[in-house]
Every structure is written in structure tokens, then in C-alpha cells.
C-alpha atoms as a PDB file:
ATOM      1  CA  UNK A   1       0.553  -0.033   0.058  1.00  0.00           C
ATOM      2  CA  UNK A   2       1.421   2.796  -0.824  1.00  0.00           C
ATOM      3  CA  UNK A   3       1.193   6.787  -0.034  1.00  0.00           C
ATOM      4  CA  UNK A   4       2.435   7.503   3.765  1.00  0.00           C
ATOM      5  CA  UNK A   5      -0.687   8.999   5.085  1.00  0.00           C
ATOM      6  CA  UNK A   6      -2.788   6.200   3.692  1.00  0.00           C
ATOM      7  CA  UNK A   7      -3.462   5.222   7.773  1.00  0.00           C
ATOM      8  CA  UNK A   8      -5.270   8.072   8.437  1.00  0.00           C
ATOM      9  CA  UNK A   9      -8.254   6.966   6.950  1.00  0.00           C
ATOM     10  CA  UNK A  10     -10.948   9.407   6.904  1.00  0.00           C
ATOM     11  CA  UNK A  11     -11.627  10.763  10.610  1.00  0.00           C
ATOM     12  CA  UNK A  12     -12.762  13.476  10.583  1.00  0.00           C
ATOM     13  CA  UNK A  13     -14.948  11.282  10.170  1.00  0.00           C
ATOM     14  CA  UNK A  14     -12.167  10.754  12.990  1.00  0.00           C
ATOM     15  CA  UNK A  15     -14.734  10.970  13.044  1.00  0.00           C
ATOM     16  CA  UNK A  16     -13.283  11.000  14.070  1.00  0.00           C
ATOM     17  CA  UNK A  17     -10.678  10.843  14.193  1.00  0.00           C
ATOM     18  CA  UNK A  18     -12.775  11.490  15.189  1.00  0.00           C
ATOM     19  CA  UNK A  19     -14.963  10.362  18.620  1.00  0.00           C
ATOM     20  CA  UNK A  20     -16.439  11.213  21.720  1.00  0.00           C
ATOM     21  CA  UNK A  21     -16.250  10.114  25.248  1.00  0.00           C
ATOM     22  CA  UNK A  22     -18.922   7.593  26.194  1.00  0.00           C
ATOM     23  CA  UNK A  23     -17.432   6.609  29.187  1.00  0.00           C
ATOM     24  CA  UNK A  24     -21.329   6.253  30.970  1.00  0.00           C
ATOM     25  CA  UNK A  25     -24.821   5.034  28.950  1.00  0.00           C
ATOM     26  CA  UNK A  26     -26.267   8.107  27.665  1.00  0.00           C
ATOM     27  CA  UNK A  27     -29.016   7.366  29.767  1.00  0.00           C
ATOM     28  CA  UNK A  28     -27.592   7.793  32.561  1.00  0.00           C
ATOM     29  CA  UNK A  29     -26.832  11.523  32.001  1.00  0.00           C
ATOM     30  CA  UNK A  30     -29.798  12.828  29.210  1.00  0.00           C
ATOM     31  CA  UNK A  31     -27.963  15.725  28.233  1.00  0.00           C
ATOM     32  CA  UNK A  32     -24.746  13.820  26.586  1.00  0.00           C
ATOM     33  CA  UNK A  33     -28.253  12.901  24.030  1.00  0.00           C
ATOM     34  CA  UNK A  34     -27.963  15.862  22.595  1.00  0.00           C
ATOM     35  CA  UNK A  35     -24.163  15.546  22.171  1.00  0.00           C
ATOM     36  CA  UNK A  36     -24.779  12.326  20.360  1.00  0.00           C
ATOM     37  CA  UNK A  37     -27.361  13.672  18.415  1.00  0.00           C
ATOM     38  CA  UNK A  38     -24.770  16.331  17.009  1.00  0.00           C
ATOM     39  CA  UNK A  39     -22.863  13.335  15.906  1.00  0.00           C
ATOM     40  CA  UNK A  40     -25.548  11.786  14.335  1.00  0.00           C
ATOM     41  CA  UNK A  41     -26.285  14.994  12.289  1.00  0.00           C
ATOM     42  CA  UNK A  42     -22.624  15.006  11.430  1.00  0.00           C
ATOM     43  CA  UNK A  43     -21.994  11.187  10.038  1.00  0.00           C
ATOM     44  CA  UNK A  44     -25.407  12.410   7.863  1.00  0.00           C
ATOM     45  CA  UNK A  45     -23.816  15.918   6.371  1.00  0.00           C
ATOM     46  CA  UNK A  46     -26.015  18.147   7.945  1.00  0.00           C
ATOM     47  CA  UNK A  47     -23.374  20.222   9.466  1.00  0.00           C
ATOM     48  CA  UNK A  48     -25.690  23.165  10.217  1.00  0.00           C
ATOM     49  CA  UNK A  49     -27.521  21.711  12.696  1.00  0.00           C
ATOM     50  CA  UNK A  50     -24.256  19.704  14.249  1.00  0.00           C
ATOM     51  CA  UNK A  51     -22.665  23.136  15.025  1.00  0.00           C
ATOM     52  CA  UNK A  52     -25.932  24.207  16.435  1.00  0.00           C
ATOM     53  CA  UNK A  53     -26.502  21.333  18.740  1.00  0.00           C
ATOM     54  CA  UNK A  54     -22.288  21.287  19.715  1.00  0.00           C
ATOM     55  CA  UNK A  55     -22.778  25.298  20.310  1.00  0.00           C
ATOM     56  CA  UNK A  56     -25.871  24.564  22.547  1.00  0.00           C
ATOM     57  CA  UNK A  57     -23.572  22.018  24.512  1.00  0.00           C
ATOM     58  CA  UNK A  58     -20.721  24.040  24.939  1.00  0.00           C
ATOM     59  CA  UNK A  59     -22.626  27.147  26.645  1.00  0.00           C
ATOM     60  CA  UNK A  60     -24.204  24.541  29.034  1.00  0.00           C
ATOM     61  CA  UNK A  61     -21.156  22.661  29.719  1.00  0.00           C
ATOM     62  CA  UNK A  62     -18.536  25.200  29.213  1.00  0.00           C
ATOM     63  CA  UNK A  63     -15.466  23.188  31.298  1.00  0.00           C
ATOM     64  CA  UNK A  64     -15.921  20.220  29.487  1.00  0.00           C
ATOM     65  CA  UNK A  65     -13.339  19.721  26.184  1.00  0.00           C
ATOM     66  CA  UNK A  66     -16.351  17.244  24.389  1.00  0.00           C
ATOM     67  CA  UNK A  67     -17.935  20.461  23.484  1.00  0.00           C
ATOM     68  CA  UNK A  68     -14.776  21.888  20.891  1.00  0.00           C
ATOM     69  CA  UNK A  69     -13.865  18.492  19.875  1.00  0.00           C
ATOM     70  CA  UNK A  70     -17.078  18.050  18.500  1.00  0.00           C
ATOM     71  CA  UNK A  71     -17.154  21.077  16.786  1.00  0.00           C
ATOM     72  CA  UNK A  72     -13.799  20.971  15.688  1.00  0.00           C
ATOM     73  CA  UNK A  73     -15.015  17.222  14.250  1.00  0.00           C
ATOM     74  CA  UNK A  74     -17.101  18.908  12.377  1.00  0.00           C
ATOM     75  CA  UNK A  75     -15.501  21.174  10.765  1.00  0.00           C
ATOM     76  CA  UNK A  76     -12.943  19.143   9.295  1.00  0.00           C
ATOM     77  CA  UNK A  77     -15.404  16.378   8.542  1.00  0.00           C
ATOM     78  CA  UNK A  78     -17.626  19.172   6.393  1.00  0.00           C
ATOM     79  CA  UNK A  79     -13.875  20.238   4.972  1.00  0.00           C
ATOM     80  CA  UNK A  80     -13.706  16.200   4.056  1.00  0.00           C
ATOM     81  CA  UNK A  81     -16.870  16.003   2.615  1.00  0.00           C
ATOM     82  CA  UNK A  82     -16.976  19.356   0.527  1.00  0.00           C
ATOM     83  CA  UNK A  83     -13.314  18.348  -0.906  1.00  0.00           C
ATOM     84  CA  UNK A  84     -14.374  14.794  -1.972  1.00  0.00           C
ATOM     85  CA  UNK A  85     -11.528  13.146   0.807  1.00  0.00           C
ATOM     86  CA  UNK A  86     -14.405  10.864   1.730  1.00  0.00           C
ATOM     87  CA  UNK A  87     -14.747   8.679  -1.215  1.00  0.00           C
ATOM     88  CA  UNK A  88     -13.412   5.034  -0.216  1.00  0.00           C
ATOM     89  CA  UNK A  89     -11.658   4.766  -3.451  1.00  0.00           C
ATOM     90  CA  UNK A  90      -9.087   6.964  -2.663  1.00  0.00           C
ATOM     91  CA  UNK A  91      -8.192   4.222  -0.125  1.00  0.00           C
ATOM     92  CA  UNK A  92      -9.033   1.214  -2.086  1.00  0.00           C
ATOM     93  CA  UNK A  93      -7.068   2.269  -5.364  1.00  0.00           C
ATOM     94  CA  UNK A  94      -3.852   2.987  -4.449  1.00  0.00           C
ATOM     95  CA  UNK A  95      -2.888   5.182  -7.580  1.00  0.00           C
ATOM     96  CA  UNK A  96      -5.757   7.492  -6.434  1.00  0.00           C
ATOM     97  CA  UNK A  97      -4.553   8.628  -3.097  1.00  0.00           C
ATOM     98  CA  UNK A  98      -0.895   8.416  -4.268  1.00  0.00           C
ATOM     99  CA  UNK A  99      -1.691  10.922  -7.376  1.00  0.00           C
ATOM    100  CA  UNK A 100      -3.986  13.578  -5.173  1.00  0.00           C
ATOM    101  CA  UNK A 101      -3.058  16.906  -5.219  1.00  0.00           C
ATOM    102  CA  UNK A 102      -3.435  19.106  -2.206  1.00  0.00           C
ATOM    103  CA  UNK A 103      -6.495  20.092  -1.330  1.00  0.00           C
ATOM    104  CA  UNK A 104      -7.804  23.447  -0.673  1.00  0.00           C
ATOM    105  CA  UNK A 105      -9.452  24.411   2.549  1.00  0.00           C
ATOM    106  CA  UNK A 106     -11.893  26.721   3.537  1.00  0.00           C
ATOM    107  CA  UNK A 107      -9.928  29.447   5.329  1.00  0.00           C
ATOM    108  CA  UNK A 108     -12.922  30.408   7.375  1.00  0.00           C
ATOM    109  CA  UNK A 109     -13.288  26.890   8.302  1.00  0.00           C
ATOM    110  CA  UNK A 110     -10.035  26.031   8.926  1.00  0.00           C
ATOM    111  CA  UNK A 111      -9.437  28.801  11.084  1.00  0.00           C
ATOM    112  CA  UNK A 112     -12.214  27.862  12.957  1.00  0.00           C
ATOM    113  CA  UNK A 113     -11.370  24.522  13.007  1.00  0.00           C
ATOM    114  CA  UNK A 114      -7.626  25.297  14.360  1.00  0.00           C
ATOM    115  CA  UNK A 115      -9.559  27.533  17.530  1.00  0.00           C
ATOM    116  CA  UNK A 116     -11.962  24.755  18.546  1.00  0.00           C
ATOM    117  CA  UNK A 117      -9.444  22.235  18.678  1.00  0.00           C
ATOM    118  CA  UNK A 118      -7.031  24.677  20.771  1.00  0.00           C
ATOM    119  CA  UNK A 119     -10.330  25.019  23.140  1.00  0.00           C
ATOM    120  CA  UNK A 120     -10.274  21.133  23.322  1.00  0.00           C
ATOM    121  CA  UNK A 121      -6.601  21.038  23.915  1.00  0.00           C
ATOM    122  CA  UNK A 122      -6.530  23.208  26.591  1.00  0.00           C
ATOM    123  CA  UNK A 123      -9.004  21.944  28.684  1.00  0.00           C
ATOM    124  CA  UNK A 124      -8.366  18.635  28.366  1.00  0.00           C
ATOM    125  CA  UNK A 125      -4.582  19.758  29.222  1.00  0.00           C
ATOM    126  CA  UNK A 126      -6.032  21.586  32.259  1.00  0.00           C
ATOM    127  CA  UNK A 127      -8.200  18.542  33.320  1.00  0.00           C
ATOM    128  CA  UNK A 128      -4.998  15.858  32.898  1.00  0.00           C
ATOM    129  CA  UNK A 129      -3.158  18.605  35.364  1.00  0.00           C
ATOM    130  CA  UNK A 130      -5.958  17.969  38.118  1.00  0.00           C
ATOM    131  CA  UNK A 131      -6.349  13.738  37.416  1.00  0.00           C
ATOM    132  CA  UNK A 132      -3.548  12.119  34.915  1.00  0.00           C
ATOM    133  CA  UNK A 133      -5.843   9.793  34.478  1.00  0.00           C
ATOM    134  CA  UNK A 134      -8.935  11.719  33.842  1.00  0.00           C
ATOM    135  CA  UNK A 135     -10.803   9.867  31.058  1.00  0.00           C
ATOM    136  CA  UNK A 136     -12.789  12.175  29.208  1.00  0.00           C
ATOM    137  CA  UNK A 137      -9.614  14.480  28.659  1.00  0.00           C
ATOM    138  CA  UNK A 138      -7.471  11.355  27.864  1.00  0.00           C
ATOM    139  CA  UNK A 139     -10.218  10.893  25.345  1.00  0.00           C
ATOM    140  CA  UNK A 140     -10.574  14.132  24.014  1.00  0.00           C
ATOM    141  CA  UNK A 141      -6.920  14.549  23.581  1.00  0.00           C
ATOM    142  CA  UNK A 142      -7.116  11.240  21.290  1.00  0.00           C
ATOM    143  CA  UNK A 143      -9.033  12.241  19.266  1.00  0.00           C
ATOM    144  CA  UNK A 144      -7.861  15.958  18.594  1.00  0.00           C
ATOM    145  CA  UNK A 145      -4.574  14.583  17.888  1.00  0.00           C
ATOM    146  CA  UNK A 146      -6.199  12.102  15.825  1.00  0.00           C
ATOM    147  CA  UNK A 147      -8.119  15.130  14.194  1.00  0.00           C
ATOM    148  CA  UNK A 148      -4.982  16.885  13.460  1.00  0.00           C
ATOM    149  CA  UNK A 149      -3.736  13.818  11.668  1.00  0.00           C
ATOM    150  CA  UNK A 150      -6.836  14.153   9.775  1.00  0.00           C
ATOM    151  CA  UNK A 151      -6.018  17.462   8.956  1.00  0.00           C
ATOM    152  CA  UNK A 152      -1.893  17.148   8.058  1.00  0.00           C
ATOM    153  CA  UNK A 153      -2.309  13.870   6.223  1.00  0.00           C
ATOM    154  CA  UNK A 154      -5.917  14.429   3.989  1.00  0.00           C
ATOM    155  CA  UNK A 155      -5.833  17.906   3.369  1.00  0.00           C
ATOM    156  CA  UNK A 156      -2.465  19.214   3.922  1.00  0.00           C
ATOM    157  CA  UNK A 157      -0.568  16.523   2.717  1.00  0.00           C
ATOM    158  CA  UNK A 158       1.933  16.839   5.429  1.00  0.00           C
ATOM    159  CA  UNK A 159       2.437  13.133   5.936  1.00  0.00           C
ATOM    160  CA  UNK A 160       5.146  12.779   8.293  1.00  0.00           C
ATOM    161  CA  UNK A 161       3.209  15.130  10.923  1.00  0.00           C
ATOM    162  CA  UNK A 162      -0.099  13.077  10.363  1.00  0.00           C
ATOM    163  CA  UNK A 163       2.118   9.954  11.120  1.00  0.00           C
ATOM    164  CA  UNK A 164       3.629  11.523  14.315  1.00  0.00           C
ATOM    165  CA  UNK A 165       0.015  12.969  15.378  1.00  0.00           C
ATOM    166  CA  UNK A 166      -1.481   9.408  14.798  1.00  0.00           C
ATOM    167  CA  UNK A 167       1.173   7.944  16.831  1.00  0.00           C
ATOM    168  CA  UNK A 168       0.610  10.451  19.592  1.00  0.00           C
ATOM    169  CA  UNK A 169      -3.124   9.830  19.663  1.00  0.00           C
ATOM    170  CA  UNK A 170      -2.959   6.224  20.422  1.00  0.00           C
ATOM    171  CA  UNK A 171      -0.372   6.953  23.529  1.00  0.00           C
ATOM    172  CA  UNK A 172      -3.561   8.956  25.098  1.00  0.00           C
ATOM    173  CA  UNK A 173      -6.040   6.011  23.786  1.00  0.00           C
ATOM    174  CA  UNK A 174      -3.830   3.457  25.025  1.00  0.00           C
ATOM    175  CA  UNK A 175      -3.546   5.051  28.538  1.00  0.00           C
ATOM    176  CA  UNK A 176      -7.886   5.369  28.732  1.00  0.00           C
ATOM    177  CA  UNK A 177      -7.817   1.642  27.687  1.00  0.00           C
ATOM    178  CA  UNK A 178      -5.920   0.782  30.974  1.00  0.00           C
ATOM    179  CA  UNK A 179      -7.954   2.930  33.173  1.00  0.00           C
ATOM    180  CA  UNK A 180     -11.410   2.165  31.201  1.00  0.00           C
ATOM    181  CA  UNK A 181     -11.155  -0.937  28.787  1.00  0.00           C
ATOM    182  CA  UNK A 182     -14.987  -0.734  28.764  1.00  0.00           C
ATOM    183  CA  UNK A 183     -14.894   2.260  26.884  1.00  0.00           C
ATOM    184  CA  UNK A 184     -15.314   0.722  23.311  1.00  0.00           C
ATOM    185  CA  UNK A 185     -15.020   4.234  21.240  1.00  0.00           C
ATOM    186  CA  UNK A 186     -11.346   4.643  21.994  1.00  0.00           C
ATOM    187  CA  UNK A 187     -10.458   1.181  20.412  1.00  0.00           C
ATOM    188  CA  UNK A 188     -10.696   2.929  17.102  1.00  0.00           C
ATOM    189  CA  UNK A 189      -7.575   4.887  17.509  1.00  0.00           C
ATOM    190  CA  UNK A 190      -5.276   1.971  17.984  1.00  0.00           C
ATOM    191  CA  UNK A 191      -7.137   0.140  15.608  1.00  0.00           C
ATOM    192  CA  UNK A 192      -6.648   2.737  12.712  1.00  0.00           C
ATOM    193  CA  UNK A 193      -3.106   2.284  13.005  1.00  0.00           C
ATOM    194  CA  UNK A 194      -2.560  -1.210  13.124  1.00  0.00           C
ATOM    195  CA  UNK A 195      -4.946  -1.893  10.249  1.00  0.00           C
ATOM    196  CA  UNK A 196      -3.658   0.697   7.680  1.00  0.00           C
ATOM    197  CA  UNK A 197       0.115   0.435   8.446  1.00  0.00           C
ATOM    198  CA  UNK A 198      -0.058  -3.343   8.088  1.00  0.00           C
ATOM    199  CA  UNK A 199      -0.751  -2.903   4.877  1.00  0.00           C
ATOM    200  CA  UNK A 200       2.568  -1.434   3.889  1.00  0.00           C
ATOM    201  CA  UNK A 201       5.344  -2.968   2.022  1.00  0.00           C
ATOM    202  CA  UNK A 202       7.208  -5.440   4.428  1.00  0.00           C
ATOM    203  CA  UNK A 203      10.505  -3.627   4.825  1.00  0.00           C
ATOM    204  CA  UNK A 204       8.443  -0.371   5.894  1.00  0.00           C
ATOM    205  CA  UNK A 205       6.480  -2.239   8.496  1.00  0.00           C
ATOM    206  CA  UNK A 206      10.036  -2.892   9.710  1.00  0.00           C
ATOM    207  CA  UNK A 207      11.522   0.891   9.854  1.00  0.00           C
ATOM    208  CA  UNK A 208       7.613   1.627  11.266  1.00  0.00           C
ATOM    209  CA  UNK A 209       7.938  -1.008  14.093  1.00  0.00           C
ATOM    210  CA  UNK A 210      11.293   0.349  15.007  1.00  0.00           C
ATOM    211  CA  UNK A 211      10.291   3.854  15.020  1.00  0.00           C
ATOM    212  CA  UNK A 212       7.576   3.149  17.370  1.00  0.00           C
ATOM    213  CA  UNK A 213       4.438   2.387  15.315  1.00  0.00           C
ATOM    214  CA  UNK A 214       1.712   0.081  15.773  1.00  0.00           C
ATOM    215  CA  UNK A 215       1.636  -2.556  12.954  1.00  0.00           C
ATOM    216  CA  UNK A 216      -0.865  -5.628  13.482  1.00  0.00           C
ATOM    217  CA  UNK A 217      -3.814  -6.404  10.952  1.00  0.00           C
ATOM    218  CA  UNK A 218      -5.458  -8.729  12.839  1.00  0.00           C
ATOM    219  CA  UNK A 219      -5.352  -7.206  15.879  1.00  0.00           C
ATOM    220  CA  UNK A 220      -6.174  -3.663  13.896  1.00  0.00           C
ATOM    221  CA  UNK A 221      -9.315  -5.114  12.593  1.00  0.00           C
ATOM    222  CA  UNK A 222     -10.263  -6.549  15.853  1.00  0.00           C
ATOM    223  CA  UNK A 223     -10.079  -3.353  17.199  1.00  0.00           C
ATOM    224  CA  UNK A 224     -12.329  -1.762  14.481  1.00  0.00           C
ATOM    225  CA  UNK A 225     -14.809  -4.158  15.516  1.00  0.00           C
ATOM    226  CA  UNK A 226     -14.718  -3.823  19.253  1.00  0.00           C
ATOM    227  CA  UNK A 227     -16.008   0.185  18.199  1.00  0.00           C
ATOM    228  CA  UNK A 228     -18.536  -1.253  15.606  1.00  0.00           C
ATOM    229  CA  UNK A 229     -19.962  -3.371  18.093  1.00  0.00           C
ATOM    230  CA  UNK A 230     -20.263  -1.586  21.083  1.00  0.00           C
ATOM    231  CA  UNK A 231     -19.009   1.646  20.293  1.00  0.00           C
ATOM    232  CA  UNK A 232     -21.183   4.772  20.662  1.00  0.00           C
ATOM    233  CA  UNK A 233     -20.086   8.331  19.175  1.00  0.00           C
ATOM    234  CA  UNK A 234     -17.929   6.111  16.975  1.00  0.00           C
ATOM    235  CA  UNK A 235     -19.584   2.810  16.542  1.00  0.00           C
ATOM    236  CA  UNK A 236     -20.926   4.263  12.580  1.00  0.00           C
ATOM    237  CA  UNK A 237     -17.566   5.665  11.512  1.00  0.00           C
ATOM    238  CA  UNK A 238     -16.096   1.985  12.329  1.00  0.00           C
ATOM    239  CA  UNK A 239     -18.516   0.185  10.174  1.00  0.00           C
ATOM    240  CA  UNK A 240     -17.650   2.479   7.434  1.00  0.00           C
ATOM    241  CA  UNK A 241     -13.763   1.558   8.090  1.00  0.00           C
ATOM    242  CA  UNK A 242     -14.854  -1.878   7.868  1.00  0.00           C
ATOM    243  CA  UNK A 243     -16.760  -1.673   4.879  1.00  0.00           C
ATOM    244  CA  UNK A 244     -13.528  -0.661   3.539  1.00  0.00           C
ATOM    245  CA  UNK A 245     -11.307  -3.139   4.846  1.00  0.00           C
ATOM    246  CA  UNK A 246     -13.862  -5.370   3.280  1.00  0.00           C
ATOM    247  CA  UNK A 247     -13.438  -3.983  -0.282  1.00  0.00           C
ATOM    248  CA  UNK A 248      -9.642  -3.920  -0.122  1.00  0.00           C
ATOM    249  CA  UNK A 249     -10.029  -7.793   0.806  1.00  0.00           C
ATOM    250  CA  UNK A 250     -12.223  -8.122  -2.441  1.00  0.00           C
ATOM    251  CA  UNK A 251     -15.241  -8.803   0.271  1.00  0.00           C
ATOM    252  CA  UNK A 252     -17.803  -6.688  -1.792  1.00  0.00           C
ATOM    253  CA  UNK A 253     -20.857  -8.664  -0.464  1.00  0.00           C
ATOM    254  CA  UNK A 254     -19.633  -7.734   3.442  1.00  0.00           C
ATOM    255  CA  UNK A 255     -18.973  -4.309   2.472  1.00  0.00           C
ATOM    256  CA  UNK A 256     -22.258  -3.464   0.776  1.00  0.00           C
ATOM    257  CA  UNK A 257     -24.094  -4.804   3.704  1.00  0.00           C
ATOM    258  CA  UNK A 258     -22.145  -2.542   5.912  1.00  0.00           C
ATOM    259  CA  UNK A 259     -23.085   0.504   3.664  1.00  0.00           C
ATOM    260  CA  UNK A 260     -26.697  -0.198   3.093  1.00  0.00           C
ATOM    261  CA  UNK A 261     -27.134  -0.315   7.095  1.00  0.00           C
ATOM    262  CA  UNK A 262     -25.407   2.862   7.133  1.00  0.00           C
ATOM    263  CA  UNK A 263     -27.294   4.308   4.180  1.00  0.00           C
ATOM    264  CA  UNK A 264     -30.937   3.189   5.822  1.00  0.00           C
ATOM    265  CA  UNK A 265     -29.524   5.236   8.875  1.00  0.00           C
ATOM    266  CA  UNK A 266     -27.852   8.233   7.248  1.00  0.00           C
ATOM    267  CA  UNK A 267     -29.908   8.785   4.240  1.00  0.00           C
ATOM    268  CA  UNK A 268     -28.508  12.304   3.551  1.00  0.00           C
ATOM    269  CA  UNK A 269     -25.036  11.068   3.297  1.00  0.00           C
ATOM    270  CA  UNK A 270     -24.961   9.776  -0.533  1.00  0.00           C
ATOM    271  CA  UNK A 271     -21.478   8.413   0.086  1.00  0.00           C
ATOM    272  CA  UNK A 272     -22.683   5.397   1.291  1.00  0.00           C
ATOM    273  CA  UNK A 273     -25.521   5.009  -1.652  1.00  0.00           C
ATOM    274  CA  UNK A 274     -22.820   5.970  -4.401  1.00  0.00           C
ATOM    275  CA  UNK A 275     -20.414   3.273  -2.967  1.00  0.00           C
ATOM    276  CA  UNK A 276     -22.747   0.490  -3.037  1.00  0.00           C
ATOM    277  CA  UNK A 277     -23.874   1.422  -6.777  1.00  0.00           C
ATOM    278  CA  UNK A 278     -19.892   1.058  -7.391  1.00  0.00           C
ATOM    279  CA  UNK A 279     -20.331  -2.082  -5.808  1.00  0.00           C
ATOM    280  CA  UNK A 280     -23.314  -3.379  -7.789  1.00  0.00           C
ATOM    281  CA  UNK A 281     -21.500  -2.589 -10.704  1.00  0.00           C
ATOM    282  CA  UNK A 282     -18.472  -4.154 -10.024  1.00  0.00           C
ATOM    283  CA  UNK A 283     -15.945  -1.362 -10.023  1.00  0.00           C
ATOM    284  CA  UNK A 284     -13.439  -0.824  -8.129  1.00  0.00           C
END
């Protein structure tokens, strides 16, 4: 698999990167349903509605880094969608990814993304100063670094920076896994790193291991499945990634099943339908 940034596979969709913490059931905190609704709007490409929900959340929870982290994800996701960087063919056909040019983001949205990321990091860092095992802050740090990786790799085409952000993101995710392994969303970050880097040629995999990256295909798929089965905010995104993995493994039937479920849930997102049509036509 060519292209040093392919490991970053659409998160703001890291989403997302890119994306938020569900240490307790939303039923225990009804307000979390609002945040979850915002993420669902984002998956359905209804970004203005998502921003409105996240803005209200931030006003009601001014000390919680989840709000600005969510809003940052929405800004990045909207740009990836506008620029066509969410098409799975970029990640299935290596030549498409390798030959793509640097994308031109909207300057206003880029500034808002940077502002929200900085606010989320500030609040998360302050929480970690008070407690180094604050699970909410650990997850937000993993998310913001994942979003930075997506921005660097998918839009700015700064491939080494993207790899560095990804490794930093995984460090925070692993700390949270040790503290609260039941938080299924957090497995997506190490899963992405393991799976995507495992697809590189053997000499590159050796170098990546030496430099501290995780490179284990089966473990990566297992971690992504954990989020797809038991995740909350990131469950739909994990299923999208499994669809891409199925396409790369020449299993279009499995990919179509996953995309069909996502299309039924998020009819406003034409990506799923377009990919299903490509599968039906035998185009990859």
C-alpha cells in the first residue's frame, strides 16, 4: 500500500478521528443525548445542525472539552466531504491516493477548526493537570490528535506530521484503555494505526515498528470491530472503516451489507449509496 498517509483513513470522520467519550451510558446523563444527536447529524452530513447542537452543548458545559472537540470534528468532516476526500476509492485504489493533489480548505472553516482544537486541548490539558487519569480528558486528547492527523494527512498532505500525530493519539488512547477498557470508542485509534500501517510493504513495516508504530493487521481489525459492535459516538464510523477493509479484502458482499445499514440510518449522506452502486456495477 503506497502513500505514507493512508493510515489516516477519513477520521473526521476520526470521526473522527474523530469521536467522543462515552464512559457512561447516555441514559445516565440525558444531556449526553444532545451531544450524540449532534454526531448523528454529522454522519448524515447535516453540518449546520451539528454545529448548532455542539454550540448549545458548549454553552451548557463550558469546562468540558467534549464540546469543542466535537465542533472541530464537524468542521474537518465538512471540509473532507466538500473536497471529496471521503470517497472510499481513495483508500481502495492506491493510485488515486498517491496521485491526488493538495486540497484547498476553506480559510474560515480552517480557522474555526484550529480554534476549536486549541480550546479542546486547553480544557483537556487543564483536566489532566488535576488528574492524570481523567478519562474524559484522555479521550479528548486522543481525538484532537487524530483530527490533527487527518487534517495534516488528508488536506495538507503533510504525511510525516500525520504519522507523528497518529502515534501521539494512540498513546492517550492506550492510557484510557488501561483505565477504562469498557469504553469501546477508544479502540478505534489504535485499530486504525494497526490496520492501515499493516498494509504497507514488509520493509516499511519493519521501519515503522522500529520507530514506535503499531503494525498488526488482525489486531487492528479486532479493535475496529470492538468499536463497531460496542461503540457509541464512533460506531458508525467504525462500520464505514470495516466496509473499506472488506473492499480491500475483495469481499464486496460484506462491504455492501455494512454500507446498506449506514445508508438506511443516514440517508442524507450520499457516500454510502454511491459506494453501494459502485459495488453493484463491479467498479472498484
